[in-house]
Amino acid sequence: MQSGTRQKAVDPRPARTRAAIYAAVAELTREPGQDISVNAIIRASGVSRGSFYGHFTGLDDLLVAMLSDAYRDIAAMYSAAGTADPAQAARHSQEQLVAFISDRRAFLRASLDWPVGSRAHEVIIQAYAEGVHDAIETRGDAVPAGVDIDDVALFIAGGAVAVLTRWIREGNETVPQSVMVDRLLAVMPDWLVGRS
């Protein structure tokens, strides 16, 4: 018998359950006027109420998790793109973010009227800031001397969340996705988004 520690296999069920819940939210938001409640989500996802609440404490917790996961995935794509074309990587990351938000607009719009605590808002901004922080680090020597990366990342994230929140309230018809991407990129530092 071999000595050492046995590694426990990772159970794929929690990831599948989470993915089913996320997919149900995306599906429900495609149809205007659709009820977006825990009941509607569990019906559309096929998961039990207990399973839903085993993953999320409620809709606000689901919101924070969805956005945090999206920010992390988008940041990973940005980092994987490397520094060969920072302008293209920045544009692509913002296109992914805006598309994600647009595809879930009804859910996100409804969330703006929930009594969500300021802690949830802070967690959403912090999750976005972590991705921005990683993006800043990939810029290496392009980052101006003396710039506090944490402060810049938090500043960009807070501003972007505010701009995106306004866009969600205005509606997709008012401002097209491509214009929203341009607006987000326009307020970011030149050295971050690869503008000369």
C-alpha atoms as a PDB file:
ATOM      1  CA  MET A   1       0.000   0.000   0.000  1.00  0.00           C
ATOM      2  CA  GLN A   2       1.287   3.391  -0.913  1.00  0.00           C
ATOM      3  CA  SER A   3       1.593   5.977   1.827  1.00  0.00           C
ATOM      4  CA  GLY A   4       0.631   9.588   1.376  1.00  0.00           C
ATOM      5  CA  THR A   5      -2.512  11.563   1.224  1.00  0.00           C
ATOM      6  CA  ARG A   6      -5.464  10.653  -0.902  1.00  0.00           C
ATOM      7  CA  GLN A   7      -6.980  13.458  -2.847  1.00  0.00           C
ATOM      8  CA  LYS A   8     -10.713  13.647  -2.798  1.00  0.00           C
ATOM      9  CA  ALA A   9     -12.361  13.944  -6.194  1.00  0.00           C
ATOM     10  CA  VAL A  10     -14.128  17.223  -6.837  1.00  0.00           C
ATOM     11  CA  ASP A  11     -17.892  16.814  -6.948  1.00  0.00           C
ATOM     12  CA  PRO A  12     -19.176  18.348 -10.208  1.00  0.00           C
ATOM     13  CA  ARG A  13     -22.770  18.675  -8.976  1.00  0.00           C
ATOM     14  CA  PRO A  14     -22.442  22.089  -7.309  1.00  0.00           C
ATOM     15  CA  ALA A  15     -20.947  23.591 -10.476  1.00  0.00           C
ATOM     16  CA  ARG A  16     -23.721  22.034 -12.587  1.00  0.00           C
ATOM     17  CA  THR A  17     -26.388  23.363 -10.206  1.00  0.00           C
ATOM     18  CA  ARG A  18     -24.904  26.845 -10.296  1.00  0.00           C
ATOM     19  CA  ALA A  19     -24.660  26.733 -14.086  1.00  0.00           C
ATOM     20  CA  ALA A  20     -28.312  25.619 -14.320  1.00  0.00           C
ATOM     21  CA  ILE A  21     -29.400  28.511 -12.099  1.00  0.00           C
ATOM     22  CA  TYR A  22     -27.354  31.026 -14.109  1.00  0.00           C
ATOM     23  CA  ALA A  23     -28.772  29.638 -17.357  1.00  0.00           C
ATOM     24  CA  ALA A  24     -32.312  29.896 -15.974  1.00  0.00           C
ATOM     25  CA  VAL A  25     -31.776  33.570 -15.137  1.00  0.00           C
ATOM     26  CA  ALA A  26     -30.474  34.199 -18.669  1.00  0.00           C
ATOM     27  CA  GLU A  27     -33.456  32.323 -20.137  1.00  0.00           C
ATOM     28  CA  LEU A  28     -36.001  34.180 -18.002  1.00  0.00           C
ATOM     29  CA  THR A  29     -34.575  37.568 -18.919  1.00  0.00           C
ATOM     30  CA  ARG A  30     -34.913  36.933 -22.651  1.00  0.00           C
ATOM     31  CA  GLU A  31     -38.697  37.249 -22.477  1.00  0.00           C
ATOM     32  CA  PRO A  32     -39.970  40.725 -21.576  1.00  0.00           C
ATOM     33  CA  GLY A  33     -42.289  40.836 -18.580  1.00  0.00           C
ATOM     34  CA  GLN A  34     -41.175  37.435 -17.329  1.00  0.00           C
ATOM     35  CA  ASP A  35     -41.333  36.895 -13.550  1.00  0.00           C
ATOM     36  CA  ILE A  36     -37.813  36.710 -12.169  1.00  0.00           C
ATOM     37  CA  SER A  37     -38.260  35.266  -8.707  1.00  0.00           C
ATOM     38  CA  VAL A  38     -36.728  32.366  -6.810  1.00  0.00           C
ATOM     39  CA  ASN A  39     -39.787  30.263  -7.746  1.00  0.00           C
ATOM     40  CA  ALA A  40     -39.432  31.109 -11.444  1.00  0.00           C
ATOM     41  CA  ILE A  41     -35.689  30.414 -11.374  1.00  0.00           C
ATOM     42  CA  ILE A  42     -36.050  27.022  -9.691  1.00  0.00           C
ATOM     43  CA  ARG A  43     -38.805  26.027 -12.136  1.00  0.00           C
ATOM     44  CA  ALA A  44     -36.708  27.076 -15.136  1.00  0.00           C
ATOM     45  CA  SER A  45     -33.498  25.526 -13.810  1.00  0.00           C
ATOM     46  CA  GLY A  46     -34.995  22.279 -12.550  1.00  0.00           C
ATOM     47  CA  VAL A  47     -33.195  22.542  -9.212  1.00  0.00           C
ATOM     48  CA  SER A  48     -34.935  22.185  -5.891  1.00  0.00           C
ATOM     49  CA  ARG A  49     -35.630  25.103  -3.570  1.00  0.00           C
ATOM     50  CA  GLY A  50     -33.233  23.564  -1.043  1.00  0.00           C
ATOM     51  CA  SER A  51     -30.518  23.315  -3.657  1.00  0.00           C
ATOM     52  CA  PHE A  52     -31.052  26.942  -4.694  1.00  0.00           C
ATOM     53  CA  TYR A  53     -30.784  28.105  -1.084  1.00  0.00           C
ATOM     54  CA  GLY A  54     -27.803  25.803  -0.561  1.00  0.00           C
ATOM     55  CA  HIS A  55     -25.970  27.956  -3.105  1.00  0.00           C
ATOM     56  CA  PHE A  56     -27.504  31.392  -2.553  1.00  0.00           C
ATOM     57  CA  THR A  57     -29.194  33.114   0.370  1.00  0.00           C
ATOM     58  CA  GLY A  58     -31.566  34.864  -2.024  1.00  0.00           C
ATOM     59  CA  LEU A  59     -31.770  36.821  -5.246  1.00  0.00           C
ATOM     60  CA  ASP A  60     -29.306  39.460  -4.077  1.00  0.00           C
ATOM     61  CA  ASP A  61     -26.715  36.791  -3.283  1.00  0.00           C
ATOM     62  CA  LEU A  62     -27.343  35.237  -6.718  1.00  0.00           C
ATOM     63  CA  LEU A  63     -26.837  38.661  -8.308  1.00  0.00           C
ATOM     64  CA  VAL A  64     -23.512  39.188  -6.545  1.00  0.00           C
ATOM     65  CA  ALA A  65     -22.302  35.681  -7.448  1.00  0.00           C
ATOM     66  CA  MET A  66     -23.299  36.016 -11.113  1.00  0.00           C
ATOM     67  CA  LEU A  67     -21.582  39.368 -11.525  1.00  0.00           C
ATOM     68  CA  SER A  68     -18.491  38.282  -9.578  1.00  0.00           C
ATOM     69  CA  ASP A  69     -18.122  35.149 -11.695  1.00  0.00           C
ATOM     70  CA  ALA A  70     -18.619  37.143 -14.912  1.00  0.00           C
ATOM     71  CA  TYR A  71     -16.030  39.742 -13.888  1.00  0.00           C
ATOM     72  CA  ARG A  72     -13.550  36.970 -13.026  1.00  0.00           C
ATOM     73  CA  ASP A  73     -14.124  35.178 -16.350  1.00  0.00           C
ATOM     74  CA  ILE A  74     -13.783  38.394 -18.354  1.00  0.00           C
ATOM     75  CA  ALA A  75     -10.602  39.345 -16.495  1.00  0.00           C
ATOM     76  CA  ALA A  76      -9.157  35.908 -17.231  1.00  0.00           C
ATOM     77  CA  MET A  77      -9.903  36.393 -20.941  1.00  0.00           C
ATOM     78  CA  TYR A  78      -8.204  39.811 -20.842  1.00  0.00           C
ATOM     79  CA  SER A  79      -5.136  38.367 -19.138  1.00  0.00           C
ATOM     80  CA  ALA A  80      -5.002  35.425 -21.544  1.00  0.00           C
ATOM     81  CA  ALA A  81      -4.993  37.847 -24.486  1.00  0.00           C
ATOM     82  CA  GLY A  82      -1.625  39.053 -23.267  1.00  0.00           C
ATOM     83  CA  THR A  83      -0.067  42.396 -23.976  1.00  0.00           C
ATOM     84  CA  ALA A  84       0.362  42.027 -27.728  1.00  0.00           C
ATOM     85  CA  ASP A  85      -2.632  44.256 -28.439  1.00  0.00           C
ATOM     86  CA  PRO A  86      -3.861  45.903 -25.230  1.00  0.00           C
ATOM     87  CA  ALA A  87      -6.388  48.070 -27.086  1.00  0.00           C
ATOM     88  CA  GLN A  88      -8.040  45.018 -28.635  1.00  0.00           C
ATOM     89  CA  ALA A  89      -7.949  43.127 -25.310  1.00  0.00           C
ATOM     90  CA  ALA A  90      -9.568  46.085 -23.525  1.00  0.00           C
ATOM     91  CA  ARG A  91     -12.277  46.418 -26.198  1.00  0.00           C
ATOM     92  CA  HIS A  92     -12.991  42.696 -26.195  1.00  0.00           C
ATOM     93  CA  SER A  93     -13.259  42.569 -22.398  1.00  0.00           C
ATOM     94  CA  GLN A  94     -15.690  45.492 -22.366  1.00  0.00           C
ATOM     95  CA  GLU A  95     -17.712  43.928 -25.195  1.00  0.00           C
ATOM     96  CA  GLN A  96     -17.982  40.736 -23.142  1.00  0.00           C
ATOM     97  CA  LEU A  97     -19.074  42.665 -20.061  1.00  0.00           C
ATOM     98  CA  VAL A  98     -21.665  44.751 -21.895  1.00  0.00           C
ATOM     99  CA  ALA A  99     -23.048  41.655 -23.663  1.00  0.00           C
ATOM    100  CA  PHE A 100     -23.300  39.807 -20.342  1.00  0.00           C
ATOM    101  CA  ILE A 101     -25.212  42.689 -18.796  1.00  0.00           C
ATOM    102  CA  SER A 102     -27.398  43.172 -21.852  1.00  0.00           C
ATOM    103  CA  ASP A 103     -28.336  39.484 -21.905  1.00  0.00           C
ATOM    104  CA  ARG A 104     -29.455  39.683 -18.258  1.00  0.00           C
ATOM    105  CA  ARG A 105     -30.812  43.202 -18.316  1.00  0.00           C
ATOM    106  CA  ALA A 106     -34.288  42.372 -16.994  1.00  0.00           C
ATOM    107  CA  PHE A 107     -32.849  40.575 -13.962  1.00  0.00           C
ATOM    108  CA  LEU A 108     -30.315  43.326 -13.332  1.00  0.00           C
ATOM    109  CA  ARG A 109     -32.954  46.038 -13.821  1.00  0.00           C
ATOM    110  CA  ALA A 110     -35.233  44.319 -11.314  1.00  0.00           C
ATOM    111  CA  SER A 111     -32.329  44.073  -8.862  1.00  0.00           C
ATOM    112  CA  LEU A 112     -31.978  47.855  -8.834  1.00  0.00           C
ATOM    113  CA  ASP A 113     -35.333  48.025  -7.045  1.00  0.00           C
ATOM    114  CA  TRP A 114     -34.517  45.360  -4.447  1.00  0.00           C
ATOM    115  CA  PRO A 115     -33.610  46.409  -0.917  1.00  0.00           C
ATOM    116  CA  VAL A 116     -30.028  45.220  -1.463  1.00  0.00           C
ATOM    117  CA  GLY A 117     -27.603  46.281   1.222  1.00  0.00           C
ATOM    118  CA  SER A 118     -24.596  48.441   0.586  1.00  0.00           C
ATOM    119  CA  ARG A 119     -22.412  45.410   1.326  1.00  0.00           C
ATOM    120  CA  ALA A 120     -23.666  43.711  -1.842  1.00  0.00           C
ATOM    121  CA  HIS A 121     -22.847  46.853  -3.840  1.00  0.00           C
ATOM    122  CA  GLU A 122     -19.351  46.922  -2.338  1.00  0.00           C
ATOM    123  CA  VAL A 123     -18.794  43.233  -3.145  1.00  0.00           C
ATOM    124  CA  ILE A 124     -19.836  43.792  -6.770  1.00  0.00           C
ATOM    125  CA  ILE A 125     -17.433  46.725  -7.106  1.00  0.00           C
ATOM    126  CA  GLN A 126     -14.629  44.809  -5.381  1.00  0.00           C
ATOM    127  CA  ALA A 127     -15.099  41.828  -7.719  1.00  0.00           C
ATOM    128  CA  TYR A 128     -14.886  44.154 -10.735  1.00  0.00           C
ATOM    129  CA  ALA A 129     -11.859  45.898  -9.197  1.00  0.00           C
ATOM    130  CA  GLU A 130     -10.005  42.589  -8.863  1.00  0.00           C
ATOM    131  CA  GLY A 131     -10.319  42.033 -12.609  1.00  0.00           C
ATOM    132  CA  VAL A 132      -9.202  45.578 -13.338  1.00  0.00           C
ATOM    133  CA  HIS A 133      -6.266  45.097 -10.961  1.00  0.00           C
ATOM    134  CA  ASP A 134      -5.182  42.015 -12.908  1.00  0.00           C
ATOM    135  CA  ALA A 135      -5.531  43.926 -16.180  1.00  0.00           C
ATOM    136  CA  ILE A 136      -3.384  46.763 -14.832  1.00  0.00           C
ATOM    137  CA  GLU A 137      -0.698  44.296 -13.791  1.00  0.00           C
ATOM    138  CA  THR A 138      -0.517  42.912 -17.340  1.00  0.00           C
ATOM    139  CA  ARG A 139       0.359  46.419 -18.579  1.00  0.00           C
ATOM    140  CA  GLY A 140       3.734  46.281 -16.821  1.00  0.00           C
ATOM    141  CA  ASP A 141       5.914  49.279 -17.735  1.00  0.00           C
ATOM    142  CA  ALA A 142       2.956  51.115 -19.316  1.00  0.00           C
ATOM    143  CA  VAL A 143       1.638  51.826 -15.800  1.00  0.00           C
ATOM    144  CA  PRO A 144       2.837  55.292 -14.773  1.00  0.00           C
ATOM    145  CA  ALA A 145       5.234  55.483 -11.857  1.00  0.00           C
ATOM    146  CA  GLY A 146       3.573  56.231  -8.550  1.00  0.00           C
ATOM    147  CA  VAL A 147       0.171  54.833  -9.535  1.00  0.00           C
ATOM    148  CA  ASP A 148      -1.456  52.868  -6.727  1.00  0.00           C
ATOM    149  CA  ILE A 149      -2.896  49.920  -8.610  1.00  0.00           C
ATOM    150  CA  ASP A 150      -5.457  49.115  -5.908  1.00  0.00           C
ATOM    151  CA  ASP A 151      -6.804  52.675  -5.878  1.00  0.00           C
ATOM    152  CA  VAL A 152      -6.995  52.909  -9.680  1.00  0.00           C
ATOM    153  CA  ALA A 153      -8.716  49.519  -9.946  1.00  0.00           C
ATOM    154  CA  LEU A 154     -11.296  50.456  -7.309  1.00  0.00           C
ATOM    155  CA  PHE A 155     -11.860  53.871  -8.908  1.00  0.00           C
ATOM    156  CA  ILE A 156     -12.401  52.381 -12.376  1.00  0.00           C
ATOM    157  CA  ALA A 157     -14.661  49.636 -11.016  1.00  0.00           C
ATOM    158  CA  GLY A 158     -16.829  52.039  -9.022  1.00  0.00           C
ATOM    159  CA  GLY A 159     -17.196  54.375 -11.978  1.00  0.00           C
ATOM    160  CA  ALA A 160     -17.906  51.579 -14.431  1.00  0.00           C
ATOM    161  CA  VAL A 161     -20.573  50.084 -12.154  1.00  0.00           C
ATOM    162  CA  ALA A 162     -22.218  53.523 -11.883  1.00  0.00           C
ATOM    163  CA  VAL A 163     -22.178  54.014 -15.674  1.00  0.00           C
ATOM    164  CA  LEU A 164     -23.487  50.490 -16.275  1.00  0.00           C
ATOM    165  CA  THR A 165     -26.222  50.982 -13.674  1.00  0.00           C
ATOM    166  CA  ARG A 166     -27.395  54.094 -15.494  1.00  0.00           C
ATOM    167  CA  TRP A 167     -27.372  52.170 -18.780  1.00  0.00           C
ATOM    168  CA  ILE A 168     -29.444  49.375 -17.262  1.00  0.00           C
ATOM    169  CA  ARG A 169     -32.011  51.900 -16.058  1.00  0.00           C
ATOM    170  CA  GLU A 170     -32.094  53.682 -19.461  1.00  0.00           C
ATOM    171  CA  GLY A 171     -32.661  50.481 -21.412  1.00  0.00           C
ATOM    172  CA  ASN A 172     -30.818  48.851 -24.281  1.00  0.00           C
ATOM    173  CA  GLU A 173     -32.845  50.675 -26.914  1.00  0.00           C
ATOM    174  CA  THR A 174     -31.590  54.061 -25.733  1.00  0.00           C
ATOM    175  CA  VAL A 175     -27.873  53.249 -25.886  1.00  0.00           C
ATOM    176  CA  PRO A 176     -26.662  50.381 -28.102  1.00  0.00           C
ATOM    177  CA  GLN A 177     -24.054  47.944 -26.777  1.00  0.00           C
ATOM    178  CA  SER A 178     -21.324  49.271 -29.078  1.00  0.00           C
ATOM    179  CA  VAL A 179     -21.858  52.816 -27.801  1.00  0.00           C
ATOM    180  CA  MET A 180     -21.769  51.579 -24.210  1.00  0.00           C
ATOM    181  CA  VAL A 181     -18.447  49.851 -24.857  1.00  0.00           C
ATOM    182  CA  ASP A 182     -17.051  53.087 -26.329  1.00  0.00           C
ATOM    183  CA  ARG A 183     -18.298  55.056 -23.313  1.00  0.00           C
ATOM    184  CA  LEU A 184     -16.617  52.690 -20.874  1.00  0.00           C
ATOM    185  CA  LEU A 185     -13.335  52.708 -22.777  1.00  0.00           C
ATOM    186  CA  ALA A 186     -13.387  56.511 -23.134  1.00  0.00           C
ATOM    187  CA  VAL A 187     -13.196  57.065 -19.382  1.00  0.00           C
ATOM    188  CA  MET A 188     -10.422  54.562 -18.735  1.00  0.00           C
ATOM    189  CA  PRO A 189      -6.791  55.671 -18.613  1.00  0.00           C
ATOM    190  CA  ASP A 190      -5.004  55.674 -21.975  1.00  0.00           C
ATOM    191  CA  TRP A 191      -2.165  53.562 -20.598  1.00  0.00           C
ATOM    192  CA  LEU A 192      -4.619  50.853 -19.488  1.00  0.00           C
ATOM    193  CA  VAL A 193      -6.577  50.517 -22.707  1.00  0.00           C
ATOM    194  CA  GLY A 194      -3.596  50.848 -25.046  1.00  0.00           C
ATOM    195  CA  ARG A 195      -4.273  54.331 -26.425  1.00  0.00           C
ATOM    196  CA  SER A 196      -1.204  56.358 -27.307  1.00  0.00           C
END
